[in-house]
Structure formats: structure tokens, C-alpha cells
Protein backbone atom coordinates (compact mmCIF):
# COMPACT_ATOMS: atom_id res chain seq x y z
CA MET A 1 -8.18 1.95 -5.81
CA GLU A 2 -11.88 1.13 -6.07
CA ARG A 3 -11.35 -1.55 -8.82
CA PHE A 4 -8.56 -3.02 -6.74
CA VAL A 5 -10.67 -3.37 -3.72
CA GLU A 6 -13.55 -4.77 -5.77
CA ALA A 7 -11.20 -7.43 -7.28
CA LYS A 8 -10.02 -8.44 -3.89
CA GLY A 9 -13.59 -8.86 -2.73
CA TRP A 10 -13.28 -6.43 0.18
CA ASN A 11 -16.68 -4.85 -0.52
CA ALA A 12 -18.41 -8.24 -0.30
CA PRO A 13 -20.54 -9.00 2.77
CA GLY A 14 -18.46 -10.92 5.35
CA SER A 15 -15.21 -9.59 3.97
CA ALA A 16 -12.19 -10.05 6.13
CA LYS A 17 -11.27 -6.52 5.29
CA PRO A 18 -14.43 -4.49 5.42
CA GLN A 19 -13.82 -1.02 3.91
CA THR A 20 -15.50 0.93 6.59
CA PRO A 21 -14.35 4.48 7.42
CA ARG A 22 -13.08 3.31 10.96
CA ASN A 23 -10.98 0.53 9.46
CA LEU A 24 -9.61 2.58 6.70
CA ALA A 25 -8.69 5.46 9.15
CA ALA A 26 -6.97 2.88 11.41
CA SER A 27 -4.98 1.48 8.46
CA LEU A 28 -4.12 4.98 7.34
CA SER A 29 -2.79 5.82 10.75
CA ILE A 30 -0.76 2.40 10.93
CA GLU A 31 0.66 3.07 7.53
CA ALA A 32 1.65 6.57 8.53
CA ALA A 33 3.44 5.22 11.57
CA GLU A 34 5.23 2.82 9.11
CA VAL A 35 6.56 5.91 7.13
CA LEU A 36 7.84 7.21 10.40
CA GLU A 37 9.68 4.12 11.13
CA HIS A 38 11.83 4.79 8.10
CA LEU A 39 12.78 8.17 9.76
CA GLN A 40 13.38 6.89 13.25
CA TRP A 41 16.78 7.74 14.33
CA HIS A 42 17.63 9.12 10.72
CA ASP A 43 16.97 12.44 8.84
CA THR A 44 16.48 10.65 5.60
CA PRO A 45 15.20 7.04 4.70
CA ALA A 46 17.93 4.41 4.24
CA ASP A 47 15.91 2.46 1.74
CA ARG A 48 14.15 4.92 -0.45
CA ALA A 49 12.14 2.29 -2.39
CA ALA A 50 10.72 0.91 0.90
CA PHE A 51 9.90 4.24 2.07
CA GLY A 52 8.19 5.08 -1.25
CA GLY A 53 6.15 1.97 -0.97
CA GLU A 54 4.95 3.08 2.60
CA LEU A 55 4.11 6.47 1.18
CA ALA A 56 2.11 4.81 -1.41
CA ASP A 57 0.25 2.82 1.09
CA VAL A 58 -0.55 6.06 2.92
CA ALA A 59 -1.87 7.72 -0.21
CA LEU A 60 -3.92 4.50 -1.22
CA TYR A 61 -5.72 4.32 2.11
CA LEU A 62 -6.37 8.07 2.02
CA LEU A 63 -7.83 7.88 -1.43
CA GLN A 64 -10.07 4.72 -0.33
CA LEU A 65 -11.13 6.67 2.93
CA ALA A 66 -12.14 9.75 1.00
CA SER A 67 -14.08 7.54 -1.65
CA VAL A 68 -15.93 5.45 1.18
CA CYS A 69 -16.84 8.69 2.87
CA GLY A 70 -18.01 10.46 -0.29
CA VAL A 71 -15.29 13.23 0.03
CA ASP A 72 -14.04 14.87 -3.14
CA LEU A 73 -10.46 14.81 -2.08
CA GLN A 74 -9.21 17.22 -4.78
CA ALA A 75 -11.76 19.86 -3.88
CA ALA A 76 -10.97 19.32 -0.18
CA ILE A 77 -7.25 19.77 -0.81
CA LEU A 78 -7.76 23.01 -2.96
CA ALA A 79 -10.13 24.41 -0.30
CA LYS A 80 -7.70 23.67 2.38
CA LEU A 81 -4.81 25.30 0.36
CA ALA A 82 -6.87 28.37 -0.20
CA GLU A 83 -7.84 28.50 3.57
CA ASN A 84 -4.09 28.04 4.47
CA HIS A 85 -3.00 30.77 2.11
CA LYS A 86 -5.10 33.34 4.10
CA ARG A 87 -3.93 32.08 7.45
CA GLU A 88 -1.29 33.76 9.57
CA TRP A 89 1.39 31.40 10.52
CA GLN A 90 3.43 31.90 13.69
């Protein structure tokens, strides 16, 4: 993702798509809503390829947000899974 962003020039000063945490978090939320659109009024997506593309967009924005914020996403996920394993679910 970092190579893609760099190739598009989005890290350059004055970029139309600055890779700030706020911009990336907003984009992540927007893409997550697009995932939900595929399930609006349906239990399963009608167009699995398009649905997969939206899931990929969510994953890519999440990876970029973690990178820009200096978060080791793999470590954070493993820590969260360990925490959830101990948690009592109601």
C-alpha cells in the first residue's frame, strides 16, 4: 500500500489526497458504509465480486491508517485477540 500511495504522489506536499490519519479514518468509514450497502435489504451480497472489492478497500485503508499512525497492526490484532479470549461474553 505504501508503494502504491507513493506512486500516486499522495505523500507529496499539496497532494489532493493527503494521507493524514483523519482523512484515512474518514475514508475507512466511508468504505465500510459501502460494504453495508451491499447488504442493505439482503442477507448476502448480490454481487460477490463488487462486495469483495469493497472489503478490499476497507482493508487497504485500514493498513494505510495503521502505517501512517505507526501502529503494528499484526501485533495489535494478536493483542486484541488475546484480550478477547479472556473476556466474558454476555
